[in-house]
Amino acid sequence: MRPIHLAVGKFNIDIIVKLNAFPLVDSKVNTDVMEIMPGGSATNYSVAVNRLGHSAKLLAKIGKSPLVSALLTPLAEEGVGLDFLIECEKKPNMALILLRDDGSISIVRRTDPSLLPSLEDVKKYSGMFDVIHYASISHDIIYKDPSAKIVSYDPGPYASEYEGEEVDILYVNEKEYESLKTKANAKIVVIKKGKEGAELIGSEECKVEALKVNVVDTTGAGDVFDAAFNVSYINTGSIEDSLRFASIAAGLKVTKLGGVSSPKLEEVVKMLKDVNINVKCR
């Protein structure tokens, strides 16, 4: 039986537009990229987990909209469990992702705080999952289920509010780490550094280099890294192997458009054979 993950967070409608410069007043610009996709960190994580060989269910609140219903269909086709979604009489969360030619992004969001699952919502499903991952949500929703093998947290924009709740793995970027390193209460802290790779602090300290690729879109790369590390760590228990696996998965993701465009397991396995990703631990 495949290990099962619960991804707790948001479901977004992502609108991705390639735009290198804003049009002037009363002018127009053309673009060759304008896509609508399911998104949100927990959503991206769920798809990645399924593509990498485990199973995932998504715990999120969704606003009522025909567009939301349409975007749930491809998630179901990916195998993401949607039976824990909570429908609300609210406008859905949306993100306008402005994509540049170099793959970098800027994001304009409409986020309704009431469209977040609660601590009580999470506790309902205690004892059902091998991994619980909290993605871009407030720290006060975290429940450290004692039956889970891994409880991980990627606070994203909520990093400055983190008060040191105990988790097994804490995922942050460099800026987030600087704001909370005195409060990081986790067995493993992973600091994601984009094209510079990642650093891990735990019983040992490790650094992994990034996969060298032509970047198309960085949306969701961090979520894919989180998913890949958790999947590999459950499978192998090896920090070095998991860092290498996660670095390759995140690198492959940025070659494709959209946060849910994560690589499949066979793509990562092939790249592991073809490319030497250096990991140094001490």
C-alpha atoms as a PDB file:
ATOM      1  CA  MET A   1       0.000   0.000   0.000  1.00  0.00           C
ATOM      2  CA  ARG A   2       1.306   3.433  -0.925  1.00  0.00           C
ATOM      3  CA  PRO A   3       2.066   5.835   1.943  1.00  0.00           C
ATOM      4  CA  ILE A   4      -0.644   8.483   2.286  1.00  0.00           C
ATOM      5  CA  HIS A   5      -0.058  12.220   2.760  1.00  0.00           C
ATOM      6  CA  LEU A   6      -2.502  14.865   3.951  1.00  0.00           C
ATOM      7  CA  ALA A   7      -1.778  18.294   2.462  1.00  0.00           C
ATOM      8  CA  VAL A   8      -3.350  21.077   4.526  1.00  0.00           C
ATOM      9  CA  GLY A   9      -3.649  24.540   3.031  1.00  0.00           C
ATOM     10  CA  LYS A  10      -5.228  26.441   0.167  1.00  0.00           C
ATOM     11  CA  PHE A  11      -6.775  25.714  -3.180  1.00  0.00           C
ATOM     12  CA  ASN A  12      -6.244  28.617  -5.580  1.00  0.00           C
ATOM     13  CA  ILE A  13      -7.279  29.498  -9.076  1.00  0.00           C
ATOM     14  CA  ASP A  14      -3.941  30.361 -10.706  1.00  0.00           C
ATOM     15  CA  ILE A  15      -3.959  32.678 -13.717  1.00  0.00           C
ATOM     16  CA  ILE A  16      -0.523  32.648 -15.333  1.00  0.00           C
ATOM     17  CA  VAL A  17       0.382  35.449 -17.732  1.00  0.00           C
ATOM     18  CA  LYS A  18       3.770  36.050 -19.331  1.00  0.00           C
ATOM     19  CA  LEU A  19       4.458  39.770 -19.059  1.00  0.00           C
ATOM     20  CA  ASN A  20       7.924  41.340 -19.056  1.00  0.00           C
ATOM     21  CA  ALA A  21       6.662  44.926 -18.736  1.00  0.00           C
ATOM     22  CA  PHE A  22       3.338  46.458 -17.779  1.00  0.00           C
ATOM     23  CA  PRO A  23       1.500  48.130 -20.663  1.00  0.00           C
ATOM     24  CA  LEU A  24       1.268  51.903 -20.570  1.00  0.00           C
ATOM     25  CA  VAL A  25      -2.040  53.603 -19.810  1.00  0.00           C
ATOM     26  CA  ASP A  26      -4.587  52.992 -22.594  1.00  0.00           C
ATOM     27  CA  SER A  27      -2.207  50.633 -24.413  1.00  0.00           C
ATOM     28  CA  LYS A  28      -2.236  46.888 -25.008  1.00  0.00           C
ATOM     29  CA  VAL A  29       0.355  44.145 -25.094  1.00  0.00           C
ATOM     30  CA  ASN A  30       0.177  40.641 -26.493  1.00  0.00           C
ATOM     31  CA  THR A  31       1.350  37.516 -24.732  1.00  0.00           C
ATOM     32  CA  ASP A  32       1.828  33.935 -25.859  1.00  0.00           C
ATOM     33  CA  VAL A  33       1.174  32.584 -22.349  1.00  0.00           C
ATOM     34  CA  MET A  34      -2.153  32.982 -20.543  1.00  0.00           C
ATOM     35  CA  GLU A  35      -3.266  29.873 -18.680  1.00  0.00           C
ATOM     36  CA  ILE A  36      -5.713  29.047 -15.891  1.00  0.00           C
ATOM     37  CA  MET A  37      -4.666  26.175 -13.619  1.00  0.00           C
ATOM     38  CA  PRO A  38      -5.375  24.765 -10.166  1.00  0.00           C
ATOM     39  CA  GLY A  39      -2.889  26.116  -7.658  1.00  0.00           C
ATOM     40  CA  GLY A  40      -1.984  26.841  -4.063  1.00  0.00           C
ATOM     41  CA  SER A  41       0.933  25.310  -2.186  1.00  0.00           C
ATOM     42  CA  ALA A  42      -1.036  22.404  -0.717  1.00  0.00           C
ATOM     43  CA  THR A  43      -2.519  21.661  -4.134  1.00  0.00           C
ATOM     44  CA  ASN A  44       0.901  21.690  -5.797  1.00  0.00           C
ATOM     45  CA  TYR A  45       2.246  19.421  -3.044  1.00  0.00           C
ATOM     46  CA  SER A  46      -0.626  16.943  -3.474  1.00  0.00           C
ATOM     47  CA  VAL A  47      -0.103  16.555  -7.209  1.00  0.00           C
ATOM     48  CA  ALA A  48       3.651  16.123  -6.759  1.00  0.00           C
ATOM     49  CA  VAL A  49       3.200  13.430  -4.105  1.00  0.00           C
ATOM     50  CA  ASN A  50       0.917  11.411  -6.377  1.00  0.00           C
ATOM     51  CA  ARG A  51       3.242  11.725  -9.347  1.00  0.00           C
ATOM     52  CA  LEU A  52       6.180  10.589  -7.208  1.00  0.00           C
ATOM     53  CA  GLY A  53       4.545   7.341  -6.155  1.00  0.00           C
ATOM     54  CA  HIS A  54       2.703   8.072  -2.908  1.00  0.00           C
ATOM     55  CA  SER A  55      -0.947   9.060  -2.393  1.00  0.00           C
ATOM     56  CA  ALA A  56      -2.246  12.422  -1.201  1.00  0.00           C
ATOM     57  CA  LYS A  57      -5.465  13.947   0.001  1.00  0.00           C
ATOM     58  CA  LEU A  58      -6.084  17.695   0.015  1.00  0.00           C
ATOM     59  CA  LEU A  59      -7.665  19.389   3.035  1.00  0.00           C
ATOM     60  CA  ALA A  60      -8.728  22.887   1.995  1.00  0.00           C
ATOM     61  CA  LYS A  61     -11.731  25.172   1.865  1.00  0.00           C
ATOM     62  CA  ILE A  62     -12.985  26.105  -1.577  1.00  0.00           C
ATOM     63  CA  GLY A  63     -15.158  28.987  -2.695  1.00  0.00           C
ATOM     64  CA  LYS A  64     -18.193  28.350  -4.877  1.00  0.00           C
ATOM     65  CA  SER A  65     -17.477  28.920  -8.547  1.00  0.00           C
ATOM     66  CA  PRO A  66     -17.945  26.985 -11.788  1.00  0.00           C
ATOM     67  CA  LEU A  67     -14.258  27.597 -12.431  1.00  0.00           C
ATOM     68  CA  VAL A  68     -13.311  25.896  -9.168  1.00  0.00           C
ATOM     69  CA  SER A  69     -15.405  22.876 -10.152  1.00  0.00           C
ATOM     70  CA  ALA A  70     -13.716  22.739 -13.555  1.00  0.00           C
ATOM     71  CA  LEU A  71     -10.228  22.921 -12.034  1.00  0.00           C
ATOM     72  CA  LEU A  72     -10.925  20.120  -9.561  1.00  0.00           C
ATOM     73  CA  THR A  73     -11.375  17.677 -12.447  1.00  0.00           C
ATOM     74  CA  PRO A  74      -7.676  17.531 -13.426  1.00  0.00           C
ATOM     75  CA  LEU A  75      -6.748  17.096  -9.752  1.00  0.00           C
ATOM     76  CA  ALA A  76      -9.043  14.091  -9.485  1.00  0.00           C
ATOM     77  CA  GLU A  77      -7.520  12.712 -12.684  1.00  0.00           C
ATOM     78  CA  GLU A  78      -4.086  13.023 -11.038  1.00  0.00           C
ATOM     79  CA  GLY A  79      -5.344  10.835  -8.202  1.00  0.00           C
ATOM     80  CA  VAL A  80      -5.503  13.565  -5.561  1.00  0.00           C
ATOM     81  CA  GLY A  81      -8.104  12.730  -2.916  1.00  0.00           C
ATOM     82  CA  LEU A  82     -10.685  15.521  -2.832  1.00  0.00           C
ATOM     83  CA  ASP A  83     -13.157  14.085  -0.327  1.00  0.00           C
ATOM     84  CA  PHE A  84     -11.847  16.350   2.476  1.00  0.00           C
ATOM     85  CA  LEU A  85     -12.532  19.595   0.594  1.00  0.00           C
ATOM     86  CA  ILE A  86     -14.934  21.951   2.377  1.00  0.00           C
ATOM     87  CA  GLU A  87     -17.163  24.091   0.154  1.00  0.00           C
ATOM     88  CA  CYS A  88     -17.968  27.596   1.410  1.00  0.00           C
ATOM     89  CA  GLU A  89     -20.227  30.428   0.242  1.00  0.00           C
ATOM     90  CA  LYS A  90     -17.210  32.614  -0.512  1.00  0.00           C
ATOM     91  CA  LYS A  91     -15.355  33.883  -3.532  1.00  0.00           C
ATOM     92  CA  PRO A  92     -12.480  31.490  -4.313  1.00  0.00           C
ATOM     93  CA  ASN A  93      -8.842  32.296  -3.611  1.00  0.00           C
ATOM     94  CA  MET A  94      -7.103  33.486  -6.762  1.00  0.00           C
ATOM     95  CA  ALA A  95      -3.526  34.258  -7.779  1.00  0.00           C
ATOM     96  CA  LEU A  96      -2.434  36.263 -10.809  1.00  0.00           C
ATOM     97  CA  ILE A  97       1.076  35.031 -11.592  1.00  0.00           C
ATOM     98  CA  LEU A  98       3.104  37.394 -13.762  1.00  0.00           C
ATOM     99  CA  LEU A  99       5.784  35.370 -15.489  1.00  0.00           C
ATOM    100  CA  ARG A 100       8.955  36.806 -17.034  1.00  0.00           C
ATOM    101  CA  ASP A 101      11.105  35.335 -19.798  1.00  0.00           C
ATOM    102  CA  ASP A 102      13.724  34.192 -17.257  1.00  0.00           C
ATOM    103  CA  GLY A 103      11.110  32.155 -15.362  1.00  0.00           C
ATOM    104  CA  SER A 104      10.938  34.506 -12.381  1.00  0.00           C
ATOM    105  CA  ILE A 105       7.504  35.475 -11.130  1.00  0.00           C
ATOM    106  CA  SER A 106       5.538  38.122  -9.267  1.00  0.00           C
ATOM    107  CA  ILE A 107       2.192  37.258  -7.713  1.00  0.00           C
ATOM    108  CA  VAL A 108      -0.957  39.284  -7.079  1.00  0.00           C
ATOM    109  CA  ARG A 109      -3.273  37.418  -4.703  1.00  0.00           C
ATOM    110  CA  ARG A 110      -6.853  37.524  -3.526  1.00  0.00           C
ATOM    111  CA  THR A 111      -6.862  35.458  -0.348  1.00  0.00           C
ATOM    112  CA  ASP A 112      -9.800  35.083   2.022  1.00  0.00           C
ATOM    113  CA  PRO A 113      -8.557  34.086   5.517  1.00  0.00           C
ATOM    114  CA  SER A 114     -11.846  32.292   6.124  1.00  0.00           C
ATOM    115  CA  LEU A 115     -10.966  29.878   3.295  1.00  0.00           C
ATOM    116  CA  LEU A 116      -8.477  28.041   5.485  1.00  0.00           C
ATOM    117  CA  PRO A 117      -9.088  24.764   7.287  1.00  0.00           C
ATOM    118  CA  SER A 118      -9.157  24.965  11.079  1.00  0.00           C
ATOM    119  CA  LEU A 119      -7.285  23.013  13.729  1.00  0.00           C
ATOM    120  CA  GLU A 120     -10.500  21.098  14.392  1.00  0.00           C
ATOM    121  CA  ASP A 121     -10.757  20.203  10.696  1.00  0.00           C
ATOM    122  CA  VAL A 122      -7.285  18.653  10.862  1.00  0.00           C
ATOM    123  CA  LYS A 123      -7.895  16.771  14.110  1.00  0.00           C
ATOM    124  CA  LYS A 124     -10.896  14.986  12.566  1.00  0.00           C
ATOM    125  CA  TYR A 125      -8.501  12.901  10.492  1.00  0.00           C
ATOM    126  CA  SER A 126      -5.969  12.050  13.195  1.00  0.00           C
ATOM    127  CA  GLY A 127      -4.377   8.642  12.784  1.00  0.00           C
ATOM    128  CA  MET A 128      -5.112   8.277   9.074  1.00  0.00           C
ATOM    129  CA  PHE A 129      -1.907   9.511   7.439  1.00  0.00           C
ATOM    130  CA  ASP A 130       1.779   8.677   7.177  1.00  0.00           C
ATOM    131  CA  VAL A 131       2.667  12.309   6.421  1.00  0.00           C
ATOM    132  CA  ILE A 132       0.876  15.554   7.252  1.00  0.00           C
ATOM    133  CA  HIS A 133       2.179  18.620   5.416  1.00  0.00           C
ATOM    134  CA  TYR A 134       1.018  22.135   6.273  1.00  0.00           C
ATOM    135  CA  ALA A 135       1.563  24.532   3.371  1.00  0.00           C
ATOM    136  CA  SER A 136       1.379  28.340   3.441  1.00  0.00           C
ATOM    137  CA  ILE A 137      -1.034  28.532   6.365  1.00  0.00           C
ATOM    138  CA  SER A 138      -0.928  29.986   9.860  1.00  0.00           C
ATOM    139  CA  HIS A 139       0.988  28.139  12.574  1.00  0.00           C
ATOM    140  CA  ASP A 140      -2.083  27.944  14.820  1.00  0.00           C
ATOM    141  CA  ILE A 141      -3.619  25.316  12.504  1.00  0.00           C
ATOM    142  CA  ILE A 142      -0.745  22.867  13.079  1.00  0.00           C
ATOM    143  CA  TYR A 143      -1.643  19.635  14.844  1.00  0.00           C
ATOM    144  CA  LYS A 144       1.296  17.304  15.420  1.00  0.00           C
ATOM    145  CA  ASP A 145      -0.475  13.996  14.951  1.00  0.00           C
ATOM    146  CA  PRO A 146       1.497  11.453  17.026  1.00  0.00           C
ATOM    147  CA  SER A 147       0.631   8.641  14.623  1.00  0.00           C
ATOM    148  CA  ALA A 148       2.138  10.380  11.576  1.00  0.00           C
ATOM    149  CA  LYS A 149       5.679   9.436  10.581  1.00  0.00           C
ATOM    150  CA  ILE A 150       6.354  12.990   9.366  1.00  0.00           C
ATOM    151  CA  VAL A 151       4.656  16.268  10.225  1.00  0.00           C
ATOM    152  CA  SER A 152       6.125  19.016   8.048  1.00  0.00           C
ATOM    153  CA  TYR A 153       5.459  22.735   7.743  1.00  0.00           C
ATOM    154  CA  ASP A 154       6.249  25.243   5.020  1.00  0.00           C
ATOM    155  CA  PRO A 155       4.919  28.551   6.386  1.00  0.00           C
ATOM    156  CA  GLY A 156       5.494  30.617   3.250  1.00  0.00           C
ATOM    157  CA  PRO A 157       4.016  34.097   3.844  1.00  0.00           C
ATOM    158  CA  TYR A 158       3.158  33.119   7.434  1.00  0.00           C
ATOM    159  CA  ALA A 159       6.804  32.606   8.438  1.00  0.00           C
ATOM    160  CA  SER A 160       6.991  35.811  10.493  1.00  0.00           C
ATOM    161  CA  GLU A 161       4.059  34.580  12.624  1.00  0.00           C
ATOM    162  CA  TYR A 162       5.625  31.192  13.414  1.00  0.00           C
ATOM    163  CA  GLU A 163       6.039  30.743  17.171  1.00  0.00           C
ATOM    164  CA  GLY A 164       8.077  27.569  17.289  1.00  0.00           C
ATOM    165  CA  GLU A 165       5.407  24.887  17.121  1.00  0.00           C
ATOM    166  CA  GLU A 166       7.141  21.520  17.065  1.00  0.00           C
ATOM    167  CA  VAL A 167       7.266  19.742  13.715  1.00  0.00           C
ATOM    168  CA  ASP A 168       9.511  17.079  12.243  1.00  0.00           C
ATOM    169  CA  ILE A 169      10.564  19.065   9.166  1.00  0.00           C
ATOM    170  CA  LEU A 170      10.416  22.829   8.637  1.00  0.00           C
ATOM    171  CA  TYR A 171      10.799  24.108   5.062  1.00  0.00           C
ATOM    172  CA  VAL A 172      11.735  27.767   4.499  1.00  0.00           C
ATOM    173  CA  ASN A 173      13.569  29.999   2.047  1.00  0.00           C
ATOM    174  CA  GLU A 174      16.579  32.098   3.051  1.00  0.00           C
ATOM    175  CA  LYS A 175      14.619  35.238   3.933  1.00  0.00           C
ATOM    176  CA  GLU A 176      12.103  33.261   5.997  1.00  0.00           C
ATOM    177  CA  TYR A 177      14.867  31.435   7.858  1.00  0.00           C
ATOM    178  CA  GLU A 178      16.515  34.678   8.932  1.00  0.00           C
ATOM    179  CA  SER A 179      13.213  35.859  10.414  1.00  0.00           C
ATOM    180  CA  LEU A 180      12.592  32.724  12.488  1.00  0.00           C
ATOM    181  CA  LYS A 181      15.844  30.838  13.037  1.00  0.00           C
ATOM    182  CA  THR A 182      15.770  31.451  16.804  1.00  0.00           C
ATOM    183  CA  LYS A 183      12.305  29.828  16.924  1.00  0.00           C
ATOM    184  CA  ALA A 184      12.817  26.951  14.494  1.00  0.00           C
ATOM    185  CA  ASN A 185      11.645  24.006  16.607  1.00  0.00           C
ATOM    186  CA  ALA A 186      12.076  21.099  14.214  1.00  0.00           C
ATOM    187  CA  LYS A 187      14.189  17.966  13.982  1.00  0.00           C
ATOM    188  CA  ILE A 188      15.116  18.977  10.436  1.00  0.00           C
ATOM    189  CA  VAL A 189      15.180  22.481   8.951  1.00  0.00           C
ATOM    190  CA  VAL A 190      15.498  22.738   5.164  1.00  0.00           C
ATOM    191  CA  ILE A 191      16.481  26.116   3.712  1.00  0.00           C
ATOM    192  CA  LYS A 192      15.637  26.333   0.016  1.00  0.00           C
ATOM    193  CA  LYS A 193      17.905  28.614  -2.014  1.00  0.00           C
ATOM    194  CA  GLY A 194      16.595  28.389  -5.558  1.00  0.00           C
ATOM    195  CA  LYS A 195      19.361  28.099  -8.132  1.00  0.00           C
ATOM    196  CA  GLU A 196      21.873  27.785  -5.273  1.00  0.00           C
ATOM    197  CA  GLY A 197      20.318  24.512  -4.123  1.00  0.00           C
ATOM    198  CA  ALA A 198      19.339  23.886  -0.511  1.00  0.00           C
ATOM    199  CA  GLU A 199      20.811  23.513   2.955  1.00  0.00           C
ATOM    200  CA  LEU A 200      19.651  21.135   5.693  1.00  0.00           C
ATOM    201  CA  ILE A 201      20.210  21.548   9.422  1.00  0.00           C
ATOM    202  CA  GLY A 202      19.499  18.608  11.697  1.00  0.00           C
ATOM    203  CA  SER A 203      21.552  15.830  13.293  1.00  0.00           C
ATOM    204  CA  GLU A 204      23.962  16.639  10.465  1.00  0.00           C
ATOM    205  CA  GLU A 205      24.367  19.673   8.236  1.00  0.00           C
ATOM    206  CA  CYS A 206      24.121  19.136   4.487  1.00  0.00           C
ATOM    207  CA  LYS A 207      24.148  21.152   1.292  1.00  0.00           C
ATOM    208  CA  VAL A 208      22.790  20.044  -2.076  1.00  0.00           C
ATOM    209  CA  GLU A 209      23.366  21.747  -5.387  1.00  0.00           C
ATOM    210  CA  ALA A 210      20.536  22.642  -7.752  1.00  0.00           C
ATOM    211  CA  LEU A 211      19.866  20.871 -11.027  1.00  0.00           C
ATOM    212  CA  LYS A 212      21.076  23.033 -13.920  1.00  0.00           C
ATOM    213  CA  VAL A 213      18.151  23.593 -16.306  1.00  0.00           C
ATOM    214  CA  ASN A 214      16.584  26.166 -18.603  1.00  0.00           C
ATOM    215  CA  VAL A 215      14.025  27.831 -16.353  1.00  0.00           C
ATOM    216  CA  VAL A 216      10.492  28.303 -17.711  1.00  0.00           C
ATOM    217  CA  ASP A 217       8.444  28.965 -14.551  1.00  0.00           C
ATOM    218  CA  THR A 218       9.472  28.799 -10.890  1.00  0.00           C
ATOM    219  CA  THR A 219       5.876  28.633  -9.606  1.00  0.00           C
ATOM    220  CA  GLY A 220       5.513  25.741  -7.164  1.00  0.00           C
ATOM    221  CA  ALA A 221       9.163  24.660  -7.225  1.00  0.00           C
ATOM    222  CA  GLY A 222       9.397  24.873  -3.446  1.00  0.00           C
ATOM    223  CA  ASP A 223       6.223  22.827  -3.025  1.00  0.00           C
ATOM    224  CA  VAL A 224       7.617  20.120  -5.296  1.00  0.00           C
ATOM    225  CA  PHE A 225      10.865  20.125  -3.301  1.00  0.00           C
ATOM    226  CA  ASP A 226       8.875  19.605  -0.071  1.00  0.00           C
ATOM    227  CA  ALA A 227       6.857  16.762  -1.584  1.00  0.00           C
ATOM    228  CA  ALA A 228       9.873  15.028  -3.082  1.00  0.00           C
ATOM    229  CA  PHE A 229      11.910  15.232   0.122  1.00  0.00           C
ATOM    230  CA  ASN A 230       9.038  13.852   2.212  1.00  0.00           C
ATOM    231  CA  VAL A 231       8.399  11.029  -0.270  1.00  0.00           C
ATOM    232  CA  SER A 232      12.053  10.031  -0.425  1.00  0.00           C
ATOM    233  CA  TYR A 233      12.591  10.321   3.335  1.00  0.00           C
ATOM    234  CA  ILE A 234       9.642   7.996   3.978  1.00  0.00           C
ATOM    235  CA  ASN A 235      10.996   5.574   1.368  1.00  0.00           C
ATOM    236  CA  THR A 236      14.679   5.591   2.322  1.00  0.00           C
ATOM    237  CA  GLY A 237      15.251   7.341   5.651  1.00  0.00           C
ATOM    238  CA  SER A 238      18.338   8.884   4.029  1.00  0.00           C
ATOM    239  CA  ILE A 239      18.870  12.639   4.250  1.00  0.00           C
ATOM    240  CA  GLU A 240      21.434  12.647   1.434  1.00  0.00           C
ATOM    241  CA  ASP A 241      19.262  10.608  -0.941  1.00  0.00           C
ATOM    242  CA  SER A 242      16.222  12.725  -0.109  1.00  0.00           C
ATOM    243  CA  LEU A 243      18.033  16.010  -0.753  1.00  0.00           C
ATOM    244  CA  ARG A 244      19.278  14.736  -4.095  1.00  0.00           C
ATOM    245  CA  PHE A 245      15.813  13.446  -5.059  1.00  0.00           C
ATOM    246  CA  ALA A 246      14.149  16.724  -4.043  1.00  0.00           C
ATOM    247  CA  SER A 247      16.683  18.887  -5.860  1.00  0.00           C
ATOM    248  CA  ILE A 248      16.135  16.992  -9.101  1.00  0.00           C
ATOM    249  CA  ALA A 249      12.336  17.030  -8.763  1.00  0.00           C
ATOM    250  CA  ALA A 250      12.281  20.793  -8.139  1.00  0.00           C
ATOM    251  CA  GLY A 251      14.702  21.361 -11.006  1.00  0.00           C
ATOM    252  CA  LEU A 252      12.536  19.409 -13.417  1.00  0.00           C
ATOM    253  CA  LYS A 253       9.448  21.301 -12.265  1.00  0.00           C
ATOM    254  CA  VAL A 254      10.839  24.723 -13.266  1.00  0.00           C
ATOM    255  CA  THR A 255      11.183  23.538 -16.875  1.00  0.00           C
ATOM    256  CA  LYS A 256       7.366  23.451 -17.129  1.00  0.00           C
ATOM    257  CA  LEU A 257       4.562  25.984 -16.812  1.00  0.00           C
ATOM    258  CA  GLY A 258       2.388  25.989 -13.692  1.00  0.00           C
ATOM    259  CA  GLY A 259       2.704  24.969 -10.062  1.00  0.00           C
ATOM    260  CA  VAL A 260       0.976  21.618 -10.628  1.00  0.00           C
ATOM    261  CA  SER A 261       3.351  20.648 -13.465  1.00  0.00           C
ATOM    262  CA  SER A 262       5.554  18.491 -11.278  1.00  0.00           C
ATOM    263  CA  PRO A 263       7.659  15.659 -12.708  1.00  0.00           C
ATOM    264  CA  LYS A 264       6.653  12.015 -12.640  1.00  0.00           C
ATOM    265  CA  LEU A 265       8.641   9.443 -10.704  1.00  0.00           C
ATOM    266  CA  GLU A 266      10.216   7.921 -13.807  1.00  0.00           C
ATOM    267  CA  GLU A 267      11.509  11.346 -14.907  1.00  0.00           C
ATOM    268  CA  VAL A 268      13.230  11.893 -11.566  1.00  0.00           C
ATOM    269  CA  VAL A 269      14.668   8.368 -11.493  1.00  0.00           C
ATOM    270  CA  LYS A 270      16.075   8.781 -15.001  1.00  0.00           C
ATOM    271  CA  MET A 271      17.676  12.112 -14.108  1.00  0.00           C
ATOM    272  CA  LEU A 272      19.182  10.581 -10.964  1.00  0.00           C
ATOM    273  CA  LYS A 273      20.966   8.101 -13.236  1.00  0.00           C
ATOM    274  CA  ASP A 274      21.997  10.687 -15.830  1.00  0.00           C
ATOM    275  CA  VAL A 275      23.190  13.567 -13.630  1.00  0.00           C
ATOM    276  CA  ASN A 276      25.436  13.737 -10.587  1.00  0.00           C
ATOM    277  CA  ILE A 277      23.911  16.081  -7.997  1.00  0.00           C
ATOM    278  CA  ASN A 278      26.468  16.796  -5.308  1.00  0.00           C
ATOM    279  CA  VAL A 279      25.451  16.534  -1.631  1.00  0.00           C
ATOM    280  CA  LYS A 280      27.930  17.416   1.118  1.00  0.00           C
ATOM    281  CA  CYS A 281      27.233  16.605   4.772  1.00  0.00           C
ATOM    282  CA  ARG A 282      29.188  17.132   7.963  1.00  0.00           C
END
